[in-house]
């Protein structure tokens, strides 16, 4: 099951790292849920694994989304609301960014 709070938390951790990445070696018995959510961020284009899938880094799309939900009042709430309605994650992300962009103008 996808956890939107965990997806945002992982983006924040990458954002907070000096090089925008997390070291996540594949280890038997490691937190598979966390790893799965990192794969989902890669699927959505918000993060990218290196060639051997041991380091993942945030992308510009990931930064844009994180910036949108952290800088605009209500954007995170709207994200969670739309996500819980069953709208595709990438669609929700794009809608939130578009709304924040319009408000900034």
Protein backbone atom coordinates (compact mmCIF):
# COMPACT_ATOMS: atom_id res chain seq x y z
CA UNK A 1 0.00 0.00 0.00
CA UNK A 2 1.27 3.43 -0.87
CA UNK A 3 1.82 5.80 2.03
CA UNK A 4 1.77 9.45 0.89
CA UNK A 5 3.36 10.63 4.14
CA UNK A 6 6.28 8.24 3.66
CA UNK A 7 6.74 9.39 0.05
CA UNK A 8 6.98 13.01 1.23
CA UNK A 9 9.27 12.06 4.14
CA UNK A 10 11.69 10.31 1.76
CA UNK A 11 11.74 13.31 -0.57
CA UNK A 12 12.50 15.53 2.44
CA UNK A 13 15.39 13.30 3.47
CA UNK A 14 16.88 13.52 -0.01
CA UNK A 15 16.28 17.28 -0.03
CA UNK A 16 18.10 17.65 3.28
CA UNK A 17 21.17 15.71 2.12
CA UNK A 18 24.02 17.83 0.75
CA UNK A 19 24.04 15.91 -2.52
CA UNK A 20 20.27 15.25 -2.67
CA UNK A 21 20.66 11.51 -2.30
CA UNK A 22 20.17 8.61 0.07
CA UNK A 23 22.29 5.49 0.30
CA UNK A 24 19.94 2.50 0.33
CA UNK A 25 21.83 -0.72 -0.36
CA UNK A 26 19.69 -3.78 -1.02
CA UNK A 27 20.10 -5.85 2.12
CA UNK A 28 18.14 -8.95 3.02
CA UNK A 29 15.82 -8.13 5.89
CA UNK A 30 16.04 -4.37 5.35
CA UNK A 31 12.95 -2.19 5.45
CA UNK A 32 11.24 -3.41 2.28
CA UNK A 33 8.36 -0.95 2.65
CA UNK A 34 10.79 1.98 2.59
CA UNK A 35 12.58 0.53 -0.41
CA UNK A 36 9.26 0.00 -2.19
CA UNK A 37 8.34 3.65 -1.65
CA UNK A 38 11.70 4.74 -3.03
CA UNK A 39 10.93 2.63 -6.11
CA UNK A 40 7.57 4.41 -6.39
CA UNK A 41 9.31 7.80 -6.31
CA UNK A 42 11.56 6.55 -9.10
CA UNK A 43 8.52 5.36 -11.05
CA UNK A 44 6.96 8.84 -10.68
CA UNK A 45 10.14 10.62 -11.82
CA UNK A 46 10.68 12.35 -8.49
CA UNK A 47 13.82 10.37 -7.70
CA UNK A 48 16.29 8.25 -9.67
CA UNK A 49 18.27 5.18 -8.66
CA UNK A 50 21.90 4.89 -9.69
CA UNK A 51 22.86 1.94 -11.92
CA UNK A 52 23.19 -0.62 -9.13
CA UNK A 53 20.15 0.64 -7.17
CA UNK A 54 22.10 1.46 -4.03
CA UNK A 55 21.85 5.27 -4.15
CA UNK A 56 18.75 7.27 -5.00
CA UNK A 57 18.69 11.00 -5.62
CA UNK A 58 15.90 13.55 -5.84
CA UNK A 59 15.12 14.99 -9.29
CA UNK A 60 13.96 18.45 -10.30
CA UNK A 61 10.39 17.12 -10.34
CA UNK A 62 10.85 15.92 -6.78
CA UNK A 63 12.17 19.31 -5.69
CA UNK A 64 9.28 21.08 -7.45
CA UNK A 65 6.69 18.96 -5.70
CA UNK A 66 8.34 19.24 -2.29
CA UNK A 67 8.65 23.00 -2.70
CA UNK A 68 4.97 23.27 -3.67
CA UNK A 69 3.62 21.38 -0.66
CA UNK A 70 5.95 23.08 1.81
CA UNK A 71 5.70 26.68 0.62
CA UNK A 72 1.98 27.03 -0.06
CA UNK A 73 -0.64 26.94 2.69
CA UNK A 74 -3.06 24.12 2.10
CA UNK A 75 -1.08 22.48 -0.73
CA UNK A 76 -0.10 19.46 1.35
CA UNK A 77 -3.67 19.09 2.56
CA UNK A 78 -4.94 19.26 -1.02
CA UNK A 79 -2.34 16.68 -2.08
CA UNK A 80 -3.50 14.23 0.60
CA UNK A 81 -7.16 14.92 -0.17
CA UNK A 82 -6.79 14.22 -3.91
CA UNK A 83 -4.54 11.21 -3.29
CA UNK A 84 -7.08 9.68 -0.89
CA UNK A 85 -9.78 10.10 -3.56
CA UNK A 86 -7.83 7.65 -5.70
CA UNK A 87 -6.44 10.07 -8.26
CA UNK A 88 -3.14 8.88 -9.76
CA UNK A 89 -0.11 10.06 -7.78
CA UNK A 90 1.59 11.78 -10.71
CA UNK A 91 -1.67 13.53 -11.62
CA UNK A 92 -2.10 14.77 -8.05
CA UNK A 93 1.49 16.00 -7.94
CA UNK A 94 1.06 17.90 -11.21
CA UNK A 95 -2.23 19.47 -10.07
CA UNK A 96 -0.69 20.66 -6.79
CA UNK A 97 2.30 22.19 -8.58
CA UNK A 98 0.03 23.92 -11.12
CA UNK A 99 -2.15 25.42 -8.38
CA UNK A 100 0.87 26.70 -6.46
CA UNK A 101 2.33 28.17 -9.68
CA UNK A 102 -0.94 30.05 -10.35
CA UNK A 103 -1.05 31.40 -6.81
CA UNK A 104 2.53 32.64 -7.10
CA UNK A 105 1.71 34.81 -10.13
